[in-house]
Amino acid sequence: MDMNTISAMVPTTDPNDFRDGDAWLAGGTVLFSYGSHSLSRLLDITAAGWEPVTITEAGIEFAATCTIAQLYALAQDPALPTAWSAADLFRPACDSFVASFKIWNLSTMGGNIATSLPAGPIISLCSALDARLLILSPGGKQRHEPVAEFIQGEAKNSLAPGELIRSILVPAHALAAKTAFRRLSLNNLGRTGVMLIGRVDPDGLFTLTVSGSTPRPHQFRFPVGDYPSPAKLVNCLEERLSPDDYHDDIHGRQPWRRAMTLRLGVEILNELFSASGPGIER
């Protein structure tokens, strides 16, 4: 799309440089596809030189400018601790873009989160792994916020004017979890209509994250001793998510998204709590 109102492209990562009519630019895959008739400047963060991936005992810190291609490659990086089995989620999440290599090499993790669309696979992945954002604010301030709480609705989030996502921290305890992944769309190469990710942490906490089918992520947690039966899980989902809480568009109507959310939730429960895993009441 045309963006013929842009008068300058400014290389900066300083929120104090932000003014009315500006937009942060990383990969730009959504920004340039939608276009704009009101923006006057693009603040380019791609030359910031941030290390894409930093692995520590605390977990993995992804720079906001880490590309989807770099995340995909990380899944097979020998530097990852072998106990971090949740890294198996990285590639299915990247594949959920159903995008060309050009998009993979430009689109960024921070950009996918900031765009805040229901089908955003990085939102689903990071929410499911209890990732937290480091957000830079004007005046030299910064704050942290869980990805699952940062997203407030379709294309809505908690960013104030001038704020910028600096990085995403995925904690080690979530990376060491046993996980299960489910995704559906209306056709083989379609946009995500439903995405659910379940995980069981080393301490036994079971977390189910619902996304894709809802405008924002929803999480359900069950401690050891309170694991749900399939019927109880369905009841929990029905109690927390009304029919109107489901997203509705050409990529999936509300009744279908609701029905598939319930179905995939039970599938994940059965996979994680199989005969070889923790027992549940059936």
Protein backbone atom coordinates (compact mmCIF):
# COMPACT_ATOMS: atom_id res chain seq x y z
CA MET A 1 0.00 0.00 0.00
CA ASP A 2 1.06 3.59 -0.56
CA MET A 3 2.58 5.65 2.25
CA ASN A 4 3.03 8.95 0.47
CA THR A 5 2.78 11.12 3.60
CA ILE A 6 6.14 10.01 5.03
CA SER A 7 8.62 12.88 5.16
CA ALA A 8 11.45 11.20 7.10
CA MET A 9 12.81 7.90 8.31
CA VAL A 10 14.68 8.33 11.59
CA PRO A 11 17.01 5.62 12.97
CA THR A 12 16.34 5.62 16.72
CA THR A 13 15.25 3.51 19.68
CA ASP A 14 14.71 6.47 22.01
CA PRO A 15 11.06 6.95 23.03
CA ASN A 16 11.85 10.63 23.64
CA ASP A 17 12.18 11.05 19.86
CA PHE A 18 8.55 10.03 19.34
CA ARG A 19 6.00 12.67 18.37
CA ASP A 20 2.50 12.78 16.91
CA GLY A 21 2.43 11.28 13.42
CA ASP A 22 5.25 8.81 14.12
CA ALA A 23 5.27 5.02 13.98
CA TRP A 24 7.95 2.58 15.07
CA LEU A 25 9.35 0.52 12.19
CA ALA A 26 10.85 -2.96 12.59
CA GLY A 27 10.08 -5.53 9.88
CA GLY A 28 7.22 -3.41 8.56
CA THR A 29 5.38 -6.39 7.08
CA VAL A 30 2.02 -5.27 8.49
CA LEU A 31 2.68 -1.53 8.39
CA PHE A 32 3.54 -1.53 4.69
CA SER A 33 0.80 -3.99 3.74
CA TYR A 34 -1.92 -1.86 5.34
CA GLY A 35 -0.43 1.50 4.37
CA SER A 36 -1.23 4.88 5.94
CA HIS A 37 -2.45 8.30 4.92
CA SER A 38 -1.64 10.02 8.21
CA LEU A 39 1.87 9.06 9.32
CA SER A 40 4.63 11.61 8.79
CA ARG A 41 7.73 9.79 10.12
CA LEU A 42 8.95 6.24 10.62
CA LEU A 43 11.26 5.60 13.56
CA ASP A 44 13.51 2.78 12.39
CA ILE A 45 14.72 0.41 15.13
CA THR A 46 16.27 -2.17 12.78
CA ALA A 47 19.77 -0.71 13.09
CA ALA A 48 19.74 -0.80 16.91
CA GLY A 49 22.19 -3.71 16.97
CA TRP A 50 20.26 -5.59 19.65
CA GLU A 51 21.39 -9.20 20.09
CA PRO A 52 18.47 -11.25 18.69
CA VAL A 53 18.70 -14.06 21.23
CA THR A 54 20.35 -14.17 24.66
CA ILE A 55 20.34 -17.46 26.58
CA THR A 56 20.90 -17.40 30.35
CA GLU A 57 20.00 -19.57 33.33
CA ALA A 58 16.91 -17.38 33.77
CA GLY A 59 15.57 -18.22 30.32
CA ILE A 60 15.71 -16.72 26.83
CA GLU A 61 15.61 -13.01 26.10
CA PHE A 62 14.50 -12.19 22.57
CA ALA A 63 15.13 -8.72 21.21
CA ALA A 64 12.00 -7.14 19.79
CA THR A 65 13.85 -7.13 16.45
CA CYS A 66 14.46 -10.90 16.48
CA THR A 67 13.06 -12.19 13.20
CA ILE A 68 10.83 -15.20 12.71
CA ALA A 69 13.65 -16.88 10.79
CA GLN A 70 15.98 -16.44 13.77
CA LEU A 71 13.38 -17.88 16.15
CA TYR A 72 12.89 -20.86 13.82
CA ALA A 73 16.65 -21.53 13.72
CA LEU A 74 16.92 -21.34 17.50
CA ALA A 75 14.83 -24.49 17.92
CA GLN A 76 17.82 -26.57 16.76
CA ASP A 77 20.55 -24.49 18.41
CA PRO A 78 22.88 -26.75 20.44
CA ALA A 79 23.29 -23.91 22.95
CA LEU A 80 19.76 -24.56 24.22
CA PRO A 81 19.69 -26.69 27.40
CA THR A 82 18.32 -30.15 26.60
CA ALA A 83 15.85 -29.80 29.50
CA TRP A 84 14.10 -26.93 27.69
CA SER A 85 11.74 -29.19 25.79
CA ALA A 86 9.22 -26.36 25.25
CA ALA A 87 11.54 -25.08 22.52
CA ASP A 88 9.74 -27.67 20.40
CA LEU A 89 6.95 -25.08 20.17
CA PHE A 90 9.11 -22.56 18.30
CA ARG A 91 8.85 -24.12 14.86
CA PRO A 92 5.12 -24.89 14.90
CA ALA A 93 4.53 -21.27 15.97
CA CYS A 94 6.67 -19.98 13.10
CA ASP A 95 4.94 -22.31 10.64
CA SER A 96 1.63 -20.79 11.75
CA PHE A 97 2.52 -17.62 9.84
CA VAL A 98 1.97 -19.57 6.60
CA ALA A 99 4.26 -16.98 5.04
CA SER A 100 7.08 -16.83 2.52
CA PHE A 101 10.77 -16.78 3.42
CA LYS A 102 10.74 -13.04 2.68
CA ILE A 103 8.27 -12.47 5.52
CA TRP A 104 10.19 -14.80 7.85
CA ASN A 105 13.38 -12.80 7.29
CA LEU A 106 11.73 -9.43 7.90
CA SER A 107 8.84 -9.94 10.33
CA THR A 108 9.88 -9.55 13.96
CA MET A 109 8.71 -11.02 17.23
CA GLY A 110 8.13 -7.59 18.73
CA GLY A 111 6.21 -6.43 15.69
CA ASN A 112 3.87 -9.42 15.79
CA ILE A 113 3.10 -8.75 19.44
CA ALA A 114 2.68 -4.98 18.97
CA THR A 115 0.29 -5.50 16.04
CA SER A 116 -1.88 -7.47 18.49
CA LEU A 117 -3.98 -9.41 15.99
CA PRO A 118 -5.88 -12.50 17.23
CA ALA A 119 -4.02 -14.77 14.79
CA GLY A 120 -0.58 -13.57 15.88
CA PRO A 121 1.43 -16.78 16.49
CA ILE A 122 4.15 -15.06 18.51
CA ILE A 123 1.45 -13.73 20.83
CA SER A 124 0.19 -17.29 21.28
CA LEU A 125 3.66 -18.73 21.83
CA CYS A 126 4.84 -16.07 24.27
CA SER A 127 1.59 -16.01 26.22
CA ALA A 128 1.66 -19.78 26.60
CA LEU A 129 5.23 -19.61 27.97
CA ASP A 130 4.44 -16.78 30.42
CA ALA A 131 6.80 -14.42 28.61
CA ARG A 132 7.18 -10.87 29.88
CA LEU A 133 7.85 -7.75 27.83
CA LEU A 134 10.42 -5.09 28.61
CA ILE A 135 8.84 -1.85 27.41
CA LEU A 136 10.75 1.43 27.04
CA SER A 137 8.80 4.60 27.84
CA PRO A 138 9.46 8.32 27.30
CA GLY A 139 11.42 10.02 30.05
CA GLY A 140 13.91 7.16 30.39
CA LYS A 141 11.38 4.93 32.14
CA GLN A 142 10.73 1.26 31.52
CA ARG A 143 8.21 -1.31 32.64
CA HIS A 144 7.53 -5.04 32.44
CA GLU A 145 4.26 -6.70 31.49
CA PRO A 146 3.20 -10.29 30.69
CA VAL A 147 2.38 -10.76 27.03
CA ALA A 148 -0.96 -12.33 27.97
CA GLU A 149 -1.96 -9.13 29.79
CA PHE A 150 -0.39 -6.75 27.26
CA ILE A 151 -2.90 -7.79 24.59
CA GLN A 152 -6.26 -6.15 25.32
CA GLY A 153 -8.26 -7.02 22.21
CA GLU A 154 -8.08 -7.11 18.43
CA ALA A 155 -5.30 -4.66 17.45
CA LYS A 156 -5.39 -3.26 21.01
CA ASN A 157 -2.65 -3.34 23.63
CA SER A 158 -1.34 -1.40 26.60
CA LEU A 159 1.32 0.62 24.74
CA ALA A 160 1.09 4.33 25.46
CA PRO A 161 2.17 6.87 22.81
CA GLY A 162 5.92 6.66 22.30
CA GLU A 163 6.38 3.36 24.14
CA LEU A 164 8.49 0.68 22.47
CA ILE A 165 8.87 -3.05 23.09
CA ARG A 166 12.56 -3.68 23.76
CA SER A 167 12.61 -7.41 24.47
CA ILE A 168 10.67 -10.53 25.40
CA LEU A 169 11.85 -12.74 28.29
CA VAL A 170 10.72 -16.37 28.33
CA PRO A 171 11.36 -17.88 31.80
CA ALA A 172 13.34 -21.09 32.27
CA HIS A 173 10.61 -22.88 34.23
CA ALA A 174 8.21 -22.56 31.29
CA LEU A 175 10.87 -23.69 28.83
CA ALA A 176 11.37 -26.85 30.92
CA ALA A 177 7.67 -27.73 30.74
CA LYS A 178 6.02 -30.59 28.91
CA THR A 179 3.90 -29.03 26.17
CA ALA A 180 1.18 -29.78 23.63
CA PHE A 181 0.24 -27.66 20.60
CA ARG A 182 -2.93 -27.46 18.53
CA ARG A 183 -3.84 -25.13 15.67
CA LEU A 184 -6.72 -25.01 13.20
CA SER A 185 -7.70 -22.85 10.26
CA LEU A 186 -10.54 -23.13 7.77
CA ASN A 187 -8.18 -24.32 5.02
CA ASN A 188 -4.70 -25.77 4.74
CA LEU A 189 -2.96 -22.45 4.14
CA GLY A 190 -5.41 -20.23 5.98
CA ARG A 191 -4.99 -17.75 8.80
CA THR A 192 -5.08 -19.22 12.29
CA GLY A 193 -8.63 -19.59 13.55
CA VAL A 194 -7.84 -21.43 16.78
CA MET A 195 -4.56 -21.99 18.61
CA LEU A 196 -4.26 -23.68 21.99
CA ILE A 197 -1.06 -24.51 23.86
CA GLY A 198 -0.90 -26.54 27.04
CA ARG A 199 2.03 -27.01 29.35
CA VAL A 200 2.85 -28.84 32.56
CA ASP A 201 5.67 -27.18 34.52
CA PRO A 202 8.29 -29.10 36.50
CA ASP A 203 6.32 -28.29 39.68
CA GLY A 204 3.20 -29.85 38.13
CA LEU A 205 1.23 -26.69 37.36
CA PHE A 206 -0.95 -27.21 34.28
CA THR A 207 -1.57 -24.11 32.15
CA LEU A 208 -3.82 -24.00 29.09
CA THR A 209 -3.60 -20.90 26.89
CA VAL A 210 -6.43 -20.15 24.46
CA SER A 211 -5.68 -17.80 21.58
CA GLY A 212 -6.44 -17.35 17.91
CA SER A 213 -10.12 -18.07 18.54
CA THR A 214 -10.38 -15.08 20.90
CA PRO A 215 -9.33 -11.43 20.38
CA ARG A 216 -6.84 -11.77 23.25
CA PRO A 217 -5.20 -14.71 25.03
CA HIS A 218 -6.94 -16.40 27.95
CA GLN A 219 -5.12 -18.64 30.43
CA PHE A 220 -6.46 -21.41 32.66
CA ARG A 221 -4.27 -22.78 35.46
CA PHE A 222 -4.70 -25.98 37.45
CA PRO A 223 -2.29 -26.88 40.28
CA VAL A 224 -1.32 -30.40 41.28
CA GLY A 225 -4.29 -32.07 42.94
CA ASP A 226 -6.80 -30.02 40.97
CA TYR A 227 -6.25 -31.33 37.44
CA PRO A 228 -9.52 -31.22 35.52
CA SER A 229 -11.36 -34.08 33.89
CA PRO A 230 -12.31 -33.43 30.25
CA ALA A 231 -15.81 -32.48 31.38
CA LYS A 232 -14.49 -30.12 34.05
CA LEU A 233 -12.15 -28.47 31.56
CA VAL A 234 -15.00 -27.88 29.14
CA ASN A 235 -17.03 -26.37 31.98
CA CYS A 236 -14.15 -24.06 32.92
CA LEU A 237 -13.82 -22.89 29.34
CA GLU A 238 -17.57 -22.34 29.05
CA GLU A 239 -17.72 -20.41 32.32
CA ARG A 240 -14.85 -18.08 31.47
CA LEU A 241 -15.55 -17.60 27.77
CA SER A 242 -19.02 -16.61 26.68
CA PRO A 243 -20.02 -17.04 23.00
CA ASP A 244 -19.38 -13.32 22.48
CA ASP A 245 -15.80 -13.66 23.76
CA TYR A 246 -14.83 -15.48 20.57
CA HIS A 247 -13.49 -13.66 17.55
CA ASP A 248 -15.74 -13.51 14.50
CA ASP A 249 -14.58 -12.82 10.96
CA ILE A 250 -14.20 -14.44 7.56
CA HIS A 251 -11.45 -16.71 8.90
CA GLY A 252 -13.83 -18.34 11.38
CA ARG A 253 -17.26 -17.63 12.83
CA GLN A 254 -17.87 -17.63 16.56
CA PRO A 255 -19.70 -20.98 16.81
CA TRP A 256 -16.92 -22.80 14.95
CA ARG A 257 -14.15 -21.15 16.97
CA ARG A 258 -15.95 -21.98 20.22
CA ALA A 259 -16.53 -25.62 19.26
CA MET A 260 -12.94 -26.12 18.12
CA THR A 261 -11.56 -24.44 21.25
CA LEU A 262 -13.43 -26.92 23.44
CA ARG A 263 -12.36 -29.86 21.29
CA LEU A 264 -8.69 -28.91 21.14
CA GLY A 265 -8.61 -28.15 24.86
CA VAL A 266 -9.70 -31.71 25.62
CA GLU A 267 -7.19 -33.09 23.09
CA ILE A 268 -4.38 -31.22 24.83
CA LEU A 269 -5.54 -32.41 28.24
CA ASN A 270 -5.54 -36.02 27.08
CA GLU A 271 -2.11 -35.68 25.46
CA LEU A 272 -0.43 -34.12 28.47
CA PHE A 273 -2.07 -36.43 30.99
CA SER A 274 -1.77 -39.72 29.17
CA ALA A 275 -1.19 -43.04 30.89
CA SER A 276 2.51 -42.22 31.14
CA GLY A 277 1.87 -38.81 32.72
CA PRO A 278 0.06 -37.43 35.77
CA GLY A 279 -3.35 -38.95 36.36
CA ILE A 280 -6.62 -37.10 35.94
CA GLU A 281 -10.19 -37.97 36.78
CA ARG A 282 -11.96 -38.97 33.58
